Amino acid sequence: MLRNLAEPEAGKIIFDRFKTAINALTVRDSGSSRIEDHIRLRHTRPFRTDNREYLPAKRSVFNIMVPEPTGGGFELKFARFLDDAPTSRASPRTTSQSASKSTT
């Protein structure tokens, strides 16, 4: 049986069945949405959490990142990955400032 699963035909059938089943469970957008209101960050109140592992934020407007208790550590790992990732592109202002500093 396992040998049959390695065949391209069987793989395609399995893929198509999973795709159909997953698409049936997927939420689809059926109309327009509109932002009714907004929350200013300065009006965000601090909140208490349980004493658990956290990550001091480098690239967030918040001072620390605390994952959900049932997340299995994924959020913390992902936040660490994003903090350690190189910046994708510099803004024109940053580029021109760094270029002028290097020539002086």
PDB file of N, CA and C in Angstrom:
ATOM      1  N   MET A   1       0.817  -1.191   0.000  1.00  0.00           N
ATOM      2  CA  MET A   1       0.000   0.000   0.000  1.00  0.00           C
ATOM      3  C   MET A   1       0.863   1.258   0.000  1.00  0.00           C
ATOM      4  N   LEU A   2       1.932   1.269   0.811  1.00  0.00           N
ATOM      5  CA  LEU A   2       2.796   2.446   0.850  1.00  0.00           C
ATOM      6  C   LEU A   2       3.450   2.695  -0.495  1.00  0.00           C
ATOM      7  N   ARG A   3       3.775   1.632  -1.198  1.00  0.00           N
ATOM      8  CA  ARG A   3       4.387   1.788  -2.510  1.00  0.00           C
ATOM      9  C   ARG A   3       3.407   2.472  -3.464  1.00  0.00           C
ATOM     10  N   ASN A   4       2.129   2.144  -3.350  1.00  0.00           N
ATOM     11  CA  ASN A   4       1.111   2.762  -4.201  1.00  0.00           C
ATOM     12  C   ASN A   4       0.978   4.256  -3.923  1.00  0.00           C
ATOM     13  N   LEU A   5       1.179   4.670  -2.675  1.00  0.00           N
ATOM     14  CA  LEU A   5       1.072   6.096  -2.344  1.00  0.00           C
ATOM     15  C   LEU A   5       2.180   6.913  -2.980  1.00  0.00           C
ATOM     16  N   ALA A   6       3.296   6.275  -3.316  1.00  0.00           N
ATOM     17  CA  ALA A   6       4.411   6.978  -3.937  1.00  0.00           C
ATOM     18  C   ALA A   6       4.173   7.223  -5.424  1.00  0.00           C
ATOM     19  N   GLU A   7       3.190   6.585  -5.989  1.00  0.00           N
ATOM     20  CA  GLU A   7       2.886   6.765  -7.409  1.00  0.00           C
ATOM     21  C   GLU A   7       2.268   8.146  -7.639  1.00  0.00           C
ATOM     22  N   PRO A   8       2.620   8.796  -8.749  1.00  0.00           N
ATOM     23  CA  PRO A   8       2.085  10.145  -9.027  1.00  0.00           C
ATOM     24  C   PRO A   8       0.561  10.193  -9.090  1.00  0.00           C
ATOM     25  N   GLU A   9      -0.044   9.168  -9.658  1.00  0.00           N
ATOM     26  CA  GLU A   9      -1.508   9.139  -9.788  1.00  0.00           C
ATOM     27  C   GLU A   9      -2.173   9.135  -8.412  1.00  0.00           C
ATOM     28  N   ALA A  10      -1.670   8.299  -7.506  1.00  0.00           N
ATOM     29  CA  ALA A  10      -2.232   8.229  -6.148  1.00  0.00           C
ATOM     30  C   ALA A  10      -1.997   9.537  -5.401  1.00  0.00           C
ATOM     31  N   GLY A  11      -0.816  10.116  -5.563  1.00  0.00           N
ATOM     32  CA  GLY A  11      -0.516  11.393  -4.910  1.00  0.00           C
ATOM     33  C   GLY A  11      -1.448  12.496  -5.373  1.00  0.00           C
ATOM     34  N   LYS A  12      -1.752  12.511  -6.680  1.00  0.00           N
ATOM     35  CA  LYS A  12      -2.660  13.532  -7.215  1.00  0.00           C
ATOM     36  C   LYS A  12      -4.071  13.359  -6.664  1.00  0.00           C
ATOM     37  N   ILE A  13      -4.524  12.124  -6.571  1.00  0.00           N
ATOM     38  CA  ILE A  13      -5.865  11.866  -6.031  1.00  0.00           C
ATOM     39  C   ILE A  13      -5.947  12.325  -4.581  1.00  0.00           C
ATOM     40  N   ILE A  14      -4.940  11.977  -3.782  1.00  0.00           N
ATOM     41  CA  ILE A  14      -4.930  12.384  -2.370  1.00  0.00           C
ATOM     42  C   ILE A  14      -4.889  13.900  -2.260  1.00  0.00           C
ATOM     43  N   PHE A  15      -4.019  14.537  -3.059  1.00  0.00           N
ATOM     44  CA  PHE A  15      -3.912  15.995  -3.033  1.00  0.00           C
ATOM     45  C   PHE A  15      -5.246  16.648  -3.378  1.00  0.00           C
ATOM     46  N   ASP A  16      -5.881  16.177  -4.441  1.00  0.00           N
ATOM     47  CA  ASP A  16      -7.160  16.758  -4.863  1.00  0.00           C
ATOM     48  C   ASP A  16      -8.246  16.582  -3.805  1.00  0.00           C
ATOM     49  N   ARG A  17      -8.284  15.419  -3.148  1.00  0.00           N
ATOM     50  CA  ARG A  17      -9.290  15.185  -2.107  1.00  0.00           C
ATOM     51  C   ARG A  17      -9.061  16.112  -0.913  1.00  0.00           C
ATOM     52  N   PHE A  18      -7.799  16.232  -0.480  1.00  0.00           N
ATOM     53  CA  PHE A  18      -7.503  17.132   0.631  1.00  0.00           C
ATOM     54  C   PHE A  18      -7.819  18.578   0.261  1.00  0.00           C
ATOM     55  N   LYS A  19      -7.475  18.961  -0.955  1.00  0.00           N
ATOM     56  CA  LYS A  19      -7.736  20.329  -1.403  1.00  0.00           C
ATOM     57  C   LYS A  19      -9.231  20.622  -1.379  1.00  0.00           C
ATOM     58  N   THR A  20     -10.030  19.706  -1.874  1.00  0.00           N
ATOM     59  CA  THR A  20     -11.483  19.885  -1.882  1.00  0.00           C
ATOM     60  C   THR A  20     -12.029  19.987  -0.460  1.00  0.00           C
ATOM     61  N   ALA A  21     -11.558  19.113   0.427  1.00  0.00           N
ATOM     62  CA  ALA A  21     -12.043  19.117   1.816  1.00  0.00           C
ATOM     63  C   ALA A  21     -11.626  20.388   2.546  1.00  0.00           C
ATOM     64  N   ILE A  22     -10.390  20.825   2.353  1.00  0.00           N
ATOM     65  CA  ILE A  22      -9.910  22.047   3.021  1.00  0.00           C
ATOM     66  C   ILE A  22     -10.643  23.267   2.484  1.00  0.00           C
ATOM     67  N   ASN A  23     -10.826  23.332   1.174  1.00  0.00           N
ATOM     68  CA  ASN A  23     -11.548  24.468   0.594  1.00  0.00           C
ATOM     69  C   ASN A  23     -12.991  24.532   1.078  1.00  0.00           C
ATOM     70  N   ALA A  24     -13.590  23.380   1.349  1.00  0.00           N
ATOM     71  CA  ALA A  24     -14.964  23.369   1.866  1.00  0.00           C
ATOM     72  C   ALA A  24     -15.024  23.951   3.274  1.00  0.00           C
ATOM     73  N   LEU A  25     -13.932  23.846   4.022  1.00  0.00           N
ATOM     74  CA  LEU A  25     -13.893  24.368   5.388  1.00  0.00           C
ATOM     75  C   LEU A  25     -13.389  25.806   5.467  1.00  0.00           C
ATOM     76  N   THR A  26     -12.876  26.324   4.380  1.00  0.00           N
ATOM     77  CA  THR A  26     -12.276  27.653   4.377  1.00  0.00           C
ATOM     78  C   THR A  26     -13.347  28.732   4.368  1.00  0.00           C
ATOM     79  N   VAL A  27     -13.135  29.751   5.153  1.00  0.00           N
ATOM     80  CA  VAL A  27     -14.051  30.889   5.179  1.00  0.00           C
ATOM     81  C   VAL A  27     -13.805  31.721   3.930  1.00  0.00           C
ATOM     82  N   ARG A  28     -14.842  32.060   3.269  1.00  0.00           N
ATOM     83  CA  ARG A  28     -14.716  32.857   2.045  1.00  0.00           C
ATOM     84  C   ARG A  28     -15.338  34.231   2.261  1.00  0.00           C
ATOM     85  N   ASP A  29     -14.744  35.231   1.645  1.00  0.00           N
ATOM     86  CA  ASP A  29     -15.261  36.589   1.718  1.00  0.00           C
ATOM     87  C   ASP A  29     -16.489  36.673   0.821  1.00  0.00           C
ATOM     88  N   SER A  30     -17.599  37.094   1.397  1.00  0.00           N
ATOM     89  CA  SER A  30     -18.825  37.128   0.610  1.00  0.00           C
ATOM     90  C   SER A  30     -19.390  38.533   0.478  1.00  0.00           C
ATOM     91  N   GLY A  31     -18.613  39.529   0.832  1.00  0.00           N
ATOM     92  CA  GLY A  31     -19.115  40.888   0.720  1.00  0.00           C
ATOM     93  C   GLY A  31     -18.032  41.890   1.052  1.00  0.00           C
ATOM     94  N   SER A  32     -18.457  43.107   1.217  1.00  0.00           N
ATOM     95  CA  SER A  32     -17.482  44.152   1.521  1.00  0.00           C
ATOM     96  C   SER A  32     -17.380  44.332   3.032  1.00  0.00           C
ATOM     97  N   SER A  33     -16.267  44.860   3.445  1.00  0.00           N
ATOM     98  CA  SER A  33     -16.084  45.160   4.867  1.00  0.00           C
ATOM     99  C   SER A  33     -15.636  46.605   4.999  1.00  0.00           C
ATOM    100  N   ARG A  34     -15.898  47.163   6.154  1.00  0.00           N
ATOM    101  CA  ARG A  34     -15.580  48.565   6.363  1.00  0.00           C
ATOM    102  C   ARG A  34     -15.093  48.729   7.796  1.00  0.00           C
ATOM    103  N   ILE A  35     -14.080  49.539   7.975  1.00  0.00           N
ATOM    104  CA  ILE A  35     -13.583  49.821   9.314  1.00  0.00           C
ATOM    105  C   ILE A  35     -14.506  50.848   9.947  1.00  0.00           C
ATOM    106  N   GLU A  36     -15.123  50.471  11.037  1.00  0.00           N
ATOM    107  CA  GLU A  36     -16.075  51.345  11.716  1.00  0.00           C
ATOM    108  C   GLU A  36     -15.386  52.325  12.656  1.00  0.00           C
ATOM    109  N   ASP A  37     -14.352  51.865  13.311  1.00  0.00           N
ATOM    110  CA  ASP A  37     -13.692  52.691  14.307  1.00  0.00           C
ATOM    111  C   ASP A  37     -12.236  52.266  14.372  1.00  0.00           C
ATOM    112  N   HIS A  38     -11.456  52.968  15.129  1.00  0.00           N
ATOM    113  CA  HIS A  38     -10.056  52.620  15.278  1.00  0.00           C
ATOM    114  C   HIS A  38      -9.641  52.798  16.732  1.00  0.00           C
ATOM    115  N   ILE A  39      -8.530  52.198  17.083  1.00  0.00           N
ATOM    116  CA  ILE A  39      -7.994  52.318  18.433  1.00  0.00           C
ATOM    117  C   ILE A  39      -6.620  52.957  18.329  1.00  0.00           C
ATOM    118  N   ARG A  40      -6.438  54.037  19.022  1.00  0.00           N
ATOM    119  CA  ARG A  40      -5.121  54.670  19.046  1.00  0.00           C
ATOM    120  C   ARG A  40      -4.233  53.896  20.007  1.00  0.00           C
ATOM    121  N   LEU A  41      -3.008  53.707  19.597  1.00  0.00           N
ATOM    122  CA  LEU A  41      -2.090  52.937  20.417  1.00  0.00           C
ATOM    123  C   LEU A  41      -1.870  53.586  21.771  1.00  0.00           C
ATOM    124  N   ARG A  42      -1.837  54.898  21.807  1.00  0.00           N
ATOM    125  CA  ARG A  42      -1.601  55.573  23.088  1.00  0.00           C
ATOM    126  C   ARG A  42      -2.769  55.380  24.058  1.00  0.00           C
ATOM    127  N   HIS A  43      -3.921  54.954  23.557  1.00  0.00           N
ATOM    128  CA  HIS A  43      -5.066  54.678  24.424  1.00  0.00           C
ATOM    129  C   HIS A  43      -5.144  53.206  24.819  1.00  0.00           C
ATOM    130  N   THR A  44      -4.179  52.414  24.355  1.00  0.00           N
ATOM    131  CA  THR A  44      -4.152  51.002  24.717  1.00  0.00           C
ATOM    132  C   THR A  44      -3.661  50.866  26.148  1.00  0.00           C
ATOM    133  N   ARG A  45      -4.442  50.208  26.955  1.00  0.00           N
ATOM    134  CA  ARG A  45      -4.078  50.049  28.360  1.00  0.00           C
ATOM    135  C   ARG A  45      -3.210  48.808  28.536  1.00  0.00           C
ATOM    136  N   PRO A  46      -2.284  48.849  29.484  1.00  0.00           N
ATOM    137  CA  PRO A  46      -1.495  47.645  29.762  1.00  0.00           C
ATOM    138  C   PRO A  46      -2.390  46.557  30.347  1.00  0.00           C
ATOM    139  N   PHE A  47      -1.973  45.338  30.211  1.00  0.00           N
ATOM    140  CA  PHE A  47      -2.763  44.257  30.780  1.00  0.00           C
ATOM    141  C   PHE A  47      -1.838  43.261  31.463  1.00  0.00           C
ATOM    142  N   ARG A  48      -2.377  42.599  32.457  1.00  0.00           N
ATOM    143  CA  ARG A  48      -1.602  41.624  33.222  1.00  0.00           C
ATOM    144  C   ARG A  48      -1.664  40.268  32.539  1.00  0.00           C
ATOM    145  N   THR A  49      -0.565  39.543  32.671  1.00  0.00           N
ATOM    146  CA  THR A  49      -0.522  38.170  32.185  1.00  0.00           C
ATOM    147  C   THR A  49       0.093  37.299  33.269  1.00  0.00           C
ATOM    148  N   ASP A  50      -0.014  36.014  33.081  1.00  0.00           N
ATOM    149  CA  ASP A  50       0.659  35.093  33.995  1.00  0.00           C
ATOM    150  C   ASP A  50       2.164  35.267  33.842  1.00  0.00           C
ATOM    151  N   ASN A  51       2.894  34.870  34.861  1.00  0.00           N
ATOM    152  CA  ASN A  51       4.341  34.930  34.797  1.00  0.00           C
ATOM    153  C   ASN A  51       4.826  33.800  33.889  1.00  0.00           C
ATOM    154  N   ARG A  52       5.186  34.134  32.670  1.00  0.00           N
ATOM    155  CA  ARG A  52       5.674  33.140  31.719  1.00  0.00           C
ATOM    156  C   ARG A  52       6.745  33.764  30.836  1.00  0.00           C
ATOM    157  N   GLU A  53       7.367  32.941  30.028  1.00  0.00           N
ATOM    158  CA  GLU A  53       8.462  33.402  29.178  1.00  0.00           C
ATOM    159  C   GLU A  53       7.983  34.518  28.255  1.00  0.00           C
ATOM    160  N   TYR A  54       8.850  35.496  28.024  1.00  0.00           N
ATOM    161  CA  TYR A  54       8.513  36.601  27.131  1.00  0.00           C
ATOM    162  C   TYR A  54       9.751  36.997  26.350  1.00  0.00           C
ATOM    163  N   LEU A  55       9.564  37.850  25.366  1.00  0.00           N
ATOM    164  CA  LEU A  55      10.656  38.322  24.531  1.00  0.00           C
ATOM    165  C   LEU A  55      10.678  39.842  24.576  1.00  0.00           C
ATOM    166  N   PRO A  56      11.790  40.451  25.024  1.00  0.00           N
ATOM    167  CA  PRO A  56      11.881  41.914  24.936  1.00  0.00           C
ATOM    168  C   PRO A  56      11.851  42.312  23.458  1.00  0.00           C
ATOM    169  N   ALA A  57      10.963  43.193  23.099  1.00  0.00           N
ATOM    170  CA  ALA A  57      10.746  43.533  21.697  1.00  0.00           C
ATOM    171  C   ALA A  57      11.811  44.488  21.183  1.00  0.00           C
ATOM    172  N   LYS A  58      12.300  44.216  19.983  1.00  0.00           N
ATOM    173  CA  LYS A  58      13.248  45.112  19.317  1.00  0.00           C
ATOM    174  C   LYS A  58      12.540  45.956  18.257  1.00  0.00           C
ATOM    175  N   ARG A  59      11.598  45.342  17.556  1.00  0.00           N
ATOM    176  CA  ARG A  59      10.954  46.015  16.420  1.00  0.00           C
ATOM    177  C   ARG A  59       9.446  46.109  16.585  1.00  0.00           C
ATOM    178  N   SER A  60       9.003  46.282  17.783  1.00  0.00           N
ATOM    179  CA  SER A  60       7.570  46.367  18.040  1.00  0.00           C
ATOM    180  C   SER A  60       7.280  47.644  18.806  1.00  0.00           C
ATOM    181  N   VAL A  61       6.072  48.129  18.685  1.00  0.00           N
ATOM    182  CA  VAL A  61       5.684  49.305  19.457  1.00  0.00           C
ATOM    183  C   VAL A  61       5.426  48.942  20.906  1.00  0.00           C
ATOM    184  N   PHE A  62       5.339  47.653  21.200  1.00  0.00           N
ATOM    185  CA  PHE A  62       5.163  47.199  22.572  1.00  0.00           C
ATOM    186  C   PHE A  62       6.528  46.852  23.160  1.00  0.00           C
ATOM    187  N   ASN A  63       6.652  46.919  24.479  1.00  0.00           N
ATOM    188  CA  ASN A  63       7.958  46.690  25.086  1.00  0.00           C
ATOM    189  C   ASN A  63       8.327  45.217  25.207  1.00  0.00           C
ATOM    190  N   ILE A  64       7.348  44.342  25.350  1.00  0.00           N
ATOM    191  CA  ILE A  64       7.628  42.908  25.390  1.00  0.00           C
ATOM    192  C   ILE A  64       6.574  42.156  24.591  1.00  0.00           C
ATOM    193  N   MET A  65       6.946  40.961  24.160  1.00  0.00           N
ATOM    194  CA  MET A  65       6.000  40.096  23.467  1.00  0.00           C
ATOM    195  C   MET A  65       5.764  38.875  24.339  1.00  0.00           C
ATOM    196  N   VAL A  66       4.521  38.667  24.727  1.00  0.00           N
ATOM    197  CA  VAL A  66       4.144  37.542  25.582  1.00  0.00           C
ATOM    198  C   VAL A  66       3.240  36.632  24.760  1.00  0.00           C
ATOM    199  N   PRO A  67       3.633  35.378  24.573  1.00  0.00           N
ATOM    200  CA  PRO A  67       2.818  34.480  23.748  1.00  0.00           C
ATOM    201  C   PRO A  67       1.593  33.970  24.490  1.00  0.00           C
ATOM    202  N   GLU A  68       0.675  33.422  23.730  1.00  0.00           N
ATOM    203  CA  GLU A  68      -0.495  32.772  24.316  1.00  0.00           C
ATOM    204  C   GLU A  68      -0.036  31.550  25.102  1.00  0.00           C
ATOM    205  N   PRO A  69      -0.681  31.244  26.220  1.00  0.00           N
ATOM    206  CA  PRO A  69      -0.232  30.105  27.030  1.00  0.00           C
ATOM    207  C   PRO A  69      -0.396  28.756  26.336  1.00  0.00           C
ATOM    208  N   THR A  70      -1.321  28.655  25.408  1.00  0.00           N
ATOM    209  CA  THR A  70      -1.556  27.371  24.739  1.00  0.00           C
ATOM    210  C   THR A  70      -0.937  27.319  23.352  1.00  0.00           C
ATOM    211  N   GLY A  71      -0.081  28.275  23.021  1.00  0.00           N
ATOM    212  CA  GLY A  71       0.489  28.341  21.682  1.00  0.00           C
ATOM    213  C   GLY A  71       1.643  27.401  21.423  1.00  0.00           C
ATOM    214  N   GLY A  72       2.151  26.752  22.448  1.00  0.00           N
ATOM    215  CA  GLY A  72       3.255  25.820  22.249  1.00  0.00           C
ATOM    216  C   GLY A  72       4.571  26.498  21.921  1.00  0.00           C
ATOM    217  N   GLY A  73       4.681  27.793  22.170  1.00  0.00           N
ATOM    218  CA  GLY A  73       5.926  28.507  21.916  1.00  0.00           C
ATOM    219  C   GLY A  73       6.081  29.020  20.502  1.00  0.00           C
ATOM    220  N   PHE A  74       5.112  28.738  19.633  1.00  0.00           N
ATOM    221  CA  PHE A  74       5.237  29.166  18.239  1.00  0.00           C
ATOM    222  C   PHE A  74       5.314  30.684  18.112  1.00  0.00           C
ATOM    223  N   GLU A  75       4.452  31.410  18.819  1.00  0.00           N
ATOM    224  CA  GLU A  75       4.438  32.873  18.712  1.00  0.00           C
ATOM    225  C   GLU A  75       5.769  33.473  19.138  1.00  0.00           C
ATOM    226  N   LEU A  76       6.333  32.946  20.210  1.00  0.00           N
ATOM    227  CA  LEU A  76       7.603  33.455  20.704  1.00  0.00           C
ATOM    228  C   LEU A  76       8.725  33.164  19.706  1.00  0.00           C
ATOM    229  N   LYS A  77       8.727  31.971  19.134  1.00  0.00           N
ATOM    230  CA  LYS A  77       9.738  31.628  18.128  1.00  0.00           C
ATOM    231  C   LYS A  77       9.591  32.509  16.895  1.00  0.00           C
ATOM    232  N   PHE A  78       8.351  32.748  16.487  1.00  0.00           N
ATOM    233  CA  PHE A  78       8.121  33.573  15.303  1.00  0.00           C
ATOM    234  C   PHE A  78       8.515  35.024  15.565  1.00  0.00           C
ATOM    235  N   ALA A  79       8.190  35.538  16.752  1.00  0.00           N
ATOM    236  CA  ALA A  79       8.578  36.908  17.104  1.00  0.00           C
ATOM    237  C   ALA A  79      10.097  37.036  17.142  1.00  0.00           C
ATOM    238  N   ARG A  80      10.775  36.035  17.684  1.00  0.00           N
ATOM    239  CA  ARG A  80      12.241  36.051  17.716  1.00  0.00           C
ATOM    240  C   ARG A  80      12.795  36.021  16.294  1.00  0.00           C
ATOM    241  N   PHE A  81      12.191  35.204  15.426  1.00  0.00           N
ATOM    242  CA  PHE A  81      12.612  35.138  14.027  1.00  0.00           C
ATOM    243  C   PHE A  81      12.471  36.501  13.352  1.00  0.00           C
ATOM    244  N   LEU A  82      11.331  37.169  13.568  1.00  0.00           N
ATOM    245  CA  LEU A  82      11.117  38.474  12.949  1.00  0.00           C
ATOM    246  C   LEU A  82      12.076  39.524  13.500  1.00  0.00           C
ATOM    247  N   ASP A  83      12.342  39.483  14.804  1.00  0.00           N
ATOM    248  CA  ASP A  83      13.283  40.435  15.391  1.00  0.00           C
ATOM    249  C   ASP A  83      14.695  40.234  14.859  1.00  0.00           C
ATOM    250  N   ASP A  84      15.079  38.995  14.603  1.00  0.00           N
ATOM    251  CA  ASP A  84      16.433  38.698  14.140  1.00  0.00           C
ATOM    252  C   ASP A  84      16.590  38.805  12.627  1.00  0.00           C
ATOM    253  N   ALA A  85      15.485  38.891  11.899  1.00  0.00           N
ATOM    254  CA  ALA A  85      15.544  38.951  10.438  1.00  0.00           C
ATOM    255  C   ALA A  85      16.147  40.278   9.990  1.00  0.00           C
ATOM    256  N   PRO A  86      16.923  40.252   8.906  1.00  0.00           N
ATOM    257  CA  PRO A  86      17.470  41.515   8.396  1.00  0.00           C
ATOM    258  C   PRO A  86      16.353  42.391   7.843  1.00  0.00           C
ATOM    259  N   THR A  87      16.571  43.675   7.869  1.00  0.00           N
ATOM    260  CA  THR A  87      15.596  44.610   7.324  1.00  0.00           C
ATOM    261  C   THR A  87      15.514  44.395   5.825  1.00  0.00           C
ATOM    262  N   SER A  88      14.315  44.360   5.286  1.00  0.00           N
ATOM    263  CA  SER A  88      14.146  44.039   3.875  1.00  0.00           C
ATOM    264  C   SER A  88      14.604  45.159   2.958  1.00  0.00           C
ATOM    265  N   ARG A  89      14.351  46.392   3.346  1.00  0.00           N
ATOM    266  CA  ARG A  89      14.808  47.507   2.519  1.00  0.00           C
ATOM    267  C   ARG A  89      14.891  48.750   3.386  1.00  0.00           C
ATOM    268  N   ALA A  90      15.796  49.628   3.035  1.00  0.00           N
ATOM    269  CA  ALA A  90      15.957  50.867   3.782  1.00  0.00           C
ATOM    270  C   ALA A  90      15.086  51.939   3.150  1.00  0.00           C
ATOM    271  N   SER A  91      14.603  52.840   3.962  1.00  0.00           N
ATOM    272  CA  SER A  91      13.828  53.949   3.419  1.00  0.00           C
ATOM    273  C   SER A  91      14.784  54.895   2.708  1.00  0.00           C
ATOM    274  N   PRO A  92      14.318  55.668   1.735  1.00  0.00           N
ATOM    275  CA  PRO A  92      15.207  56.590   1.018  1.00  0.00           C
ATOM    276  C   PRO A  92      15.910  57.564   1.965  1.00  0.00           C
ATOM    277  N   ARG A  93      15.212  58.007   2.999  1.00  0.00           N
ATOM    278  CA  ARG A  93      15.813  58.945   3.935  1.00  0.00           C
ATOM    279  C   ARG A  93      16.982  58.287   4.664  1.00  0.00           C
ATOM    280  N   THR A  94      16.795  57.064   5.097  1.00  0.00           N
ATOM    281  CA  THR A  94      17.855  56.348   5.803  1.00  0.00           C
ATOM    282  C   THR A  94      19.044  56.112   4.885  1.00  0.00           C
ATOM    283  N   THR A  95      18.775  55.738   3.644  1.00  0.00           N
ATOM    284  CA  THR A  95      19.845  55.474   2.698  1.00  0.00           C
ATOM    285  C   THR A  95      20.652  56.733   2.428  1.00  0.00           C
ATOM    286  N   SER A  96      19.986  57.857   2.217  1.00  0.00           N
ATOM    287  CA  SER A  96      20.712  59.091   1.920  1.00  0.00           C
ATOM    288  C   SER A  96      21.487  59.577   3.132  1.00  0.00           C
ATOM    289  N   GLN A  97      20.941  59.394   4.341  1.00  0.00           N
ATOM    290  CA  GLN A  97      21.657  59.810   5.544  1.00  0.00           C
ATOM    291  C   GLN A  97      22.897  58.964   5.745  1.00  0.00           C
ATOM    292  N   SER A  98      22.786  57.665   5.551  1.00  0.00           N
ATOM    293  CA  SER A  98      23.945  56.807   5.763  1.00  0.00           C
ATOM    294  C   SER A  98      24.999  57.049   4.693  1.00  0.00           C
ATOM    295  N   ALA A  99      24.574  57.383   3.471  1.00  0.00           N
ATOM    296  CA  ALA A  99      25.535  57.674   2.411  1.00  0.00           C
ATOM    297  C   ALA A  99      26.282  58.967   2.698  1.00  0.00           C
ATOM    298  N   SER A 100      25.572  59.982   3.214  1.00  0.00           N
ATOM    299  CA  SER A 100      26.235  61.254   3.498  1.00  0.00           C
ATOM    300  C   SER A 100      27.181  61.124   4.680  1.00  0.00           C
ATOM    301  N   LYS A 101      26.847  60.262   5.652  1.00  0.00           N
ATOM    302  CA  LYS A 101      27.734  60.053   6.795  1.00  0.00           C
ATOM    303  C   LYS A 101      29.002  59.326   6.377  1.00  0.00           C
ATOM    304  N   SER A 102      28.888  58.407   5.442  1.00  0.00           N
ATOM    305  CA  SER A 102      30.056  57.635   5.044  1.00  0.00           C
ATOM    306  C   SER A 102      31.018  58.454   4.197  1.00  0.00           C
ATOM    307  N   THR A 103      30.536  59.507   3.539  1.00  0.00           N
ATOM    308  CA  THR A 103      31.410  60.327   2.706  1.00  0.00           C
ATOM    309  C   THR A 103      32.081  61.433   3.494  1.00  0.00           C
ATOM    310  N   THR A 104      31.610  61.712   4.729  1.00  0.00           N
ATOM    311  CA  THR A 104      32.209  62.793   5.514  1.00  0.00           C
ATOM    312  C   THR A 104      33.345  62.308   6.355  1.00  0.00           C
TER     313      THR A 104
END
